[in-house]
């Protein structure tokens, strides 16, 4: 594991990373660096658009540039960084436009997974949803005690349909998109109900939001499930846009434009 120290005003990655486990092999170092950088992006220690310098990371780690380059490549595949020729590697800029694209693509992927899954759904599959709902409803030590736990359990709920659909490429697409969705949800705090006075109120709210989705799946009602999942994701997109671009928050969401076309071809 790595530990980040942002005390230096220079914001160079050489200051951000120190290797804790001296026994880590070079073969696993690239993934370790990638995970550490992902964590820094997730919690805002590396900011949108910030440059990450390969040579500084390598020098700090006492390794060659190879593992760092491997980490950058992995993060670029996940959509967390971009490499610009002759300029370097930068944290992805998490804009309102990107948020719209992430949530609309999520909706398309989840609807596809629903269509592949509901016809062959077993009762034991539904138990996975019930377990997640039970966890969401726990208090005070449950997910509702932390913004990060709320996001992680929300995404675990959405992981299930991709596991059940048994479509490898669809699952891969979700896992890549999931990383960006996680950053957007946590950075904007849209799942954290600041008006809830207690963890119990927050937990009850999470259950209330997700239980209708489970019931539509339990009923094997594809039309209802598609509509509810689309509405659920459209609301997520809307909340994020209200945070990132307040003037656009009430416009037609990209999810609605794709799945419930009121005015086909009209996209925000």
Protein backbone atom coordinates (compact mmCIF):
# COMPACT_ATOMS: atom_id res chain seq x y z
CA UNK A 1 0.00 0.00 0.00
CA UNK A 2 0.96 3.63 -0.43
CA UNK A 3 0.51 6.64 1.75
CA UNK A 4 -0.06 10.10 0.34
CA UNK A 5 1.37 13.26 1.80
CA UNK A 6 0.08 16.48 0.29
CA UNK A 7 1.98 18.79 2.59
CA UNK A 8 4.29 20.03 -0.12
CA UNK A 9 2.99 23.05 -2.01
CA UNK A 10 4.70 21.81 -5.17
CA UNK A 11 2.03 19.09 -5.55
CA UNK A 12 4.56 16.78 -7.24
CA UNK A 13 3.85 13.07 -7.06
CA UNK A 14 7.24 12.56 -5.50
CA UNK A 15 5.72 14.16 -2.42
CA UNK A 16 2.48 12.23 -2.68
CA UNK A 17 3.73 8.65 -2.57
CA UNK A 18 5.79 6.61 -0.13
CA UNK A 19 6.04 2.85 -0.27
CA UNK A 20 5.02 1.18 2.98
CA UNK A 21 5.67 -2.47 2.20
CA UNK A 22 9.36 -2.84 1.39
CA UNK A 23 8.73 -6.46 0.38
CA UNK A 24 6.55 -5.50 -2.57
CA UNK A 25 8.03 -6.95 -5.72
CA UNK A 26 8.67 -4.93 -8.85
CA UNK A 27 6.23 -7.17 -10.71
CA UNK A 28 3.34 -5.93 -8.56
CA UNK A 29 4.47 -2.36 -8.23
CA UNK A 30 2.61 -1.02 -11.25
CA UNK A 31 -0.73 -2.11 -9.86
CA UNK A 32 0.15 -0.81 -6.41
CA UNK A 33 0.97 2.60 -7.88
CA UNK A 34 -2.23 2.58 -9.93
CA UNK A 35 -4.33 1.82 -6.85
CA UNK A 36 -2.61 4.53 -4.86
CA UNK A 37 -3.16 7.11 -7.58
CA UNK A 38 -6.79 6.04 -7.96
CA UNK A 39 -7.26 6.57 -4.24
CA UNK A 40 -5.70 10.03 -4.47
CA UNK A 41 -8.06 10.98 -7.29
CA UNK A 42 -11.04 9.54 -5.45
CA UNK A 43 -10.48 11.62 -2.32
CA UNK A 44 -9.47 14.76 -4.21
CA UNK A 45 -5.79 14.76 -3.34
CA UNK A 46 -5.07 14.74 -7.04
CA UNK A 47 -7.35 17.26 -8.64
CA UNK A 48 -9.14 17.40 -11.96
CA UNK A 49 -6.68 18.33 -14.71
CA UNK A 50 -3.59 18.04 -12.50
CA UNK A 51 -0.38 16.84 -14.14
CA UNK A 52 1.23 13.62 -12.86
CA UNK A 53 4.96 13.37 -13.60
CA UNK A 54 6.19 9.87 -14.37
CA UNK A 55 9.85 10.48 -13.53
CA UNK A 56 9.00 12.01 -10.15
CA UNK A 57 6.88 9.03 -9.16
CA UNK A 58 9.61 6.63 -10.25
CA UNK A 59 12.30 8.53 -8.33
CA UNK A 60 10.23 8.61 -5.18
CA UNK A 61 9.53 4.88 -5.39
CA UNK A 62 13.14 4.00 -6.09
CA UNK A 63 12.12 2.13 -9.22
CA UNK A 64 12.40 2.51 -12.96
CA UNK A 65 9.83 4.31 -15.07
CA UNK A 66 8.40 0.99 -16.26
CA UNK A 67 6.03 0.25 -13.34
CA UNK A 68 4.89 3.88 -13.28
CA UNK A 69 4.19 3.77 -17.01
CA UNK A 70 2.24 0.55 -16.42
CA UNK A 71 0.18 2.30 -13.73
CA UNK A 72 -0.53 5.27 -16.02
CA UNK A 73 -1.64 2.91 -18.77
CA UNK A 74 -4.04 1.13 -16.40
CA UNK A 75 -5.48 4.42 -15.17
CA UNK A 76 -5.90 5.68 -18.73
CA UNK A 77 -7.82 2.50 -19.60
CA UNK A 78 -10.08 3.25 -16.63
CA UNK A 79 -10.64 6.82 -17.81
CA UNK A 80 -9.00 8.40 -14.76
CA UNK A 81 -6.05 9.99 -16.57
CA UNK A 82 -5.31 11.20 -20.08
CA UNK A 83 -1.96 11.20 -21.84
CA UNK A 84 -1.29 14.20 -24.06
CA UNK A 85 1.59 13.84 -26.55
CA UNK A 86 4.60 16.06 -25.67
CA UNK A 87 2.77 17.41 -22.61
CA UNK A 88 2.44 14.50 -20.21
CA UNK A 89 -0.22 12.69 -18.18
CA UNK A 90 -3.07 14.52 -16.48
CA UNK A 91 -5.94 13.61 -14.20
CA UNK A 92 -9.15 13.48 -16.23
CA UNK A 93 -11.20 16.65 -16.01
CA UNK A 94 -14.47 15.60 -14.42
CA UNK A 95 -16.84 18.02 -16.12
CA UNK A 96 -20.62 18.22 -16.31
CA UNK A 97 -20.40 16.90 -19.85
CA UNK A 98 -18.44 13.86 -18.71
CA UNK A 99 -20.97 13.27 -15.92
CA UNK A 100 -23.80 13.27 -18.46
CA UNK A 101 -21.92 10.81 -20.63
CA UNK A 102 -21.09 8.50 -17.72
CA UNK A 103 -24.67 8.33 -16.47
CA UNK A 104 -26.26 7.93 -19.88
CA UNK A 105 -23.86 5.13 -20.79
CA UNK A 106 -24.55 3.55 -17.38
CA UNK A 107 -28.25 3.56 -18.22
CA UNK A 108 -27.72 1.89 -21.58
CA UNK A 109 -25.48 -0.78 -20.04
CA UNK A 110 -27.85 -1.49 -17.14
CA UNK A 111 -30.89 -1.78 -19.39
CA UNK A 112 -28.96 -4.22 -21.60
CA UNK A 113 -27.98 -6.25 -18.52
CA UNK A 114 -31.60 -6.29 -17.32
CA UNK A 115 -32.78 -7.60 -20.68
CA UNK A 116 -30.21 -10.38 -20.61
CA UNK A 117 -30.95 -11.37 -17.02
CA UNK A 118 -34.60 -11.16 -16.07
CA UNK A 119 -35.82 -14.09 -18.17
CA UNK A 120 -33.53 -16.54 -16.39
CA UNK A 121 -33.49 -14.96 -12.94
CA UNK A 122 -33.43 -17.43 -10.03
CA UNK A 123 -34.61 -16.92 -6.47
CA UNK A 124 -31.04 -17.33 -5.22
CA UNK A 125 -30.04 -14.41 -7.45
CA UNK A 126 -32.60 -12.22 -5.69
CA UNK A 127 -30.98 -13.05 -2.36
CA UNK A 128 -27.97 -10.98 -3.42
CA UNK A 129 -30.18 -7.92 -3.78
CA UNK A 130 -31.84 -8.61 -0.44
CA UNK A 131 -28.44 -8.83 1.25
CA UNK A 132 -27.36 -5.45 -0.16
CA UNK A 133 -30.65 -3.83 0.84
CA UNK A 134 -30.20 -5.24 4.35
CA UNK A 135 -26.72 -3.73 4.52
CA UNK A 136 -27.96 -0.36 3.28
CA UNK A 137 -30.57 -0.32 6.04
CA UNK A 138 -28.13 -0.97 8.88
CA UNK A 139 -27.45 1.82 11.35
CA UNK A 140 -25.60 3.40 12.99
CA UNK A 141 -22.60 1.33 11.89
CA UNK A 142 -23.84 0.69 8.35
CA UNK A 143 -23.07 2.47 5.06
CA UNK A 144 -25.18 5.49 6.03
CA UNK A 145 -22.45 6.51 8.49
CA UNK A 146 -20.03 7.58 5.75
CA UNK A 147 -20.35 9.29 2.33
CA UNK A 148 -17.79 6.89 0.92
CA UNK A 149 -19.58 3.80 2.22
CA UNK A 150 -22.85 5.09 0.76
CA UNK A 151 -21.25 5.35 -2.67
CA UNK A 152 -19.58 1.95 -2.42
CA UNK A 153 -22.76 0.15 -1.38
CA UNK A 154 -24.78 1.96 -4.03
CA UNK A 155 -22.36 0.69 -6.67
CA UNK A 156 -22.37 -2.82 -5.18
CA UNK A 157 -26.12 -2.82 -5.74
CA UNK A 158 -25.60 -1.98 -9.40
CA UNK A 159 -22.79 -4.51 -9.76
CA UNK A 160 -25.22 -7.38 -9.26
CA UNK A 161 -27.07 -7.13 -12.56
CA UNK A 162 -23.78 -7.14 -14.46
CA UNK A 163 -22.62 -10.24 -12.58
CA UNK A 164 -25.91 -11.99 -13.33
CA UNK A 165 -26.12 -11.15 -17.03
CA UNK A 166 -23.08 -13.35 -17.81
CA UNK A 167 -21.91 -11.07 -20.61
CA UNK A 168 -18.16 -10.64 -20.33
CA UNK A 169 -17.75 -7.55 -22.49
CA UNK A 170 -20.75 -5.85 -20.92
CA UNK A 171 -19.25 -6.50 -17.50
CA UNK A 172 -15.89 -5.13 -18.58
CA UNK A 173 -17.53 -1.98 -19.89
CA UNK A 174 -19.31 -1.48 -16.57
CA UNK A 175 -16.17 -2.03 -14.49
CA UNK A 176 -14.37 0.66 -16.46
CA UNK A 177 -17.28 3.08 -16.22
CA UNK A 178 -17.78 2.28 -12.55
CA UNK A 179 -14.48 3.90 -11.62
CA UNK A 180 -15.52 7.23 -13.14
CA UNK A 181 -19.01 6.99 -11.65
CA UNK A 182 -17.47 6.44 -8.22
CA UNK A 183 -15.32 9.55 -8.48
CA UNK A 184 -18.27 11.66 -9.66
CA UNK A 185 -20.60 10.42 -6.92
CA UNK A 186 -18.13 10.87 -4.11
CA UNK A 187 -16.65 14.18 -5.26
CA UNK A 188 -20.09 15.75 -5.56
CA UNK A 189 -21.62 14.15 -2.46
CA UNK A 190 -24.94 13.52 -4.19
CA UNK A 191 -25.79 10.39 -2.18
CA UNK A 192 -25.15 12.05 1.16
CA UNK A 193 -28.44 13.43 2.42
CA UNK A 194 -27.31 16.44 4.44
CA UNK A 195 -30.88 17.05 5.61
CA UNK A 196 -31.06 13.69 7.36
CA UNK A 197 -30.46 14.23 11.06
CA UNK A 198 -29.40 10.68 11.86
CA UNK A 199 -27.73 7.70 10.23
CA UNK A 200 -31.06 5.89 10.57
CA UNK A 201 -32.84 8.50 8.42
CA UNK A 202 -30.07 8.28 5.85
CA UNK A 203 -30.18 4.48 5.84
CA UNK A 204 -33.97 4.48 5.47
CA UNK A 205 -33.59 6.84 2.53
CA UNK A 206 -31.13 4.53 0.76
CA UNK A 207 -33.49 1.58 1.18
CA UNK A 208 -36.47 3.63 0.01
CA UNK A 209 -34.64 4.60 -3.19
CA UNK A 210 -33.42 1.10 -4.08
CA UNK A 211 -36.24 -1.17 -2.89
CA UNK A 212 -38.58 -0.42 -5.84
CA UNK A 213 -35.78 -1.45 -8.20
CA UNK A 214 -35.47 -4.78 -6.41
CA UNK A 215 -39.23 -5.35 -6.44
CA UNK A 216 -39.42 -4.79 -10.19
CA UNK A 217 -36.65 -7.36 -10.67
CA UNK A 218 -38.36 -9.77 -8.26
CA UNK A 219 -41.54 -9.47 -10.33
CA UNK A 220 -39.56 -10.18 -13.53
CA UNK A 221 -41.30 -7.12 -14.94
CA UNK A 222 -38.85 -5.95 -17.59
CA UNK A 223 -40.80 -2.86 -18.67
CA UNK A 224 -41.15 -1.66 -15.10
CA UNK A 225 -37.52 -2.45 -14.27
CA UNK A 226 -36.25 -0.55 -17.31
CA UNK A 227 -38.37 2.48 -16.44
CA UNK A 228 -37.38 2.50 -12.77
CA UNK A 229 -33.68 2.03 -13.44
CA UNK A 230 -33.77 4.77 -16.08
CA UNK A 231 -35.54 7.14 -13.70
CA UNK A 232 -33.09 6.24 -10.92
CA UNK A 233 -30.05 7.01 -13.05
CA UNK A 234 -31.62 10.14 -14.54
CA UNK A 235 -32.08 11.47 -11.01
CA UNK A 236 -28.45 10.66 -10.23
CA UNK A 237 -27.34 12.57 -13.32
CA UNK A 238 -29.61 15.49 -12.42
CA UNK A 239 -28.22 15.75 -8.89
CA UNK A 240 -24.64 15.75 -10.09
CA UNK A 241 -25.33 18.40 -12.73
CA UNK A 242 -26.98 20.61 -10.11
CA UNK A 243 -23.68 20.47 -8.21
CA UNK A 244 -21.34 20.88 -11.17
CA UNK A 245 -23.35 23.23 -13.38
CA UNK A 246 -26.30 24.64 -11.38
CA UNK A 247 -27.82 26.46 -14.33
CA UNK A 248 -28.24 23.18 -16.23
CA UNK A 249 -29.70 21.08 -13.43
CA UNK A 250 -33.32 21.19 -14.57
CA UNK A 251 -32.71 20.47 -18.24
CA UNK A 252 -33.56 17.16 -19.86
CA UNK A 253 -30.99 14.63 -18.69
CA UNK A 254 -28.97 12.63 -21.17
CA UNK A 255 -30.40 9.46 -19.63
CA UNK A 256 -33.93 10.67 -20.38
CA UNK A 257 -32.96 11.72 -23.88
CA UNK A 258 -31.63 8.26 -24.64
CA UNK A 259 -34.15 6.04 -22.87
CA UNK A 260 -37.28 8.21 -22.58
CA UNK A 261 -36.99 10.47 -25.62
CA UNK A 262 -39.37 13.36 -25.07
CA UNK A 263 -37.72 15.41 -27.79
CA UNK A 264 -35.55 12.99 -29.79
CA UNK A 265 -32.24 14.50 -30.79
CA UNK A 266 -32.37 17.23 -28.15
CA UNK A 267 -29.51 16.68 -25.74
CA UNK A 268 -28.13 18.98 -23.07
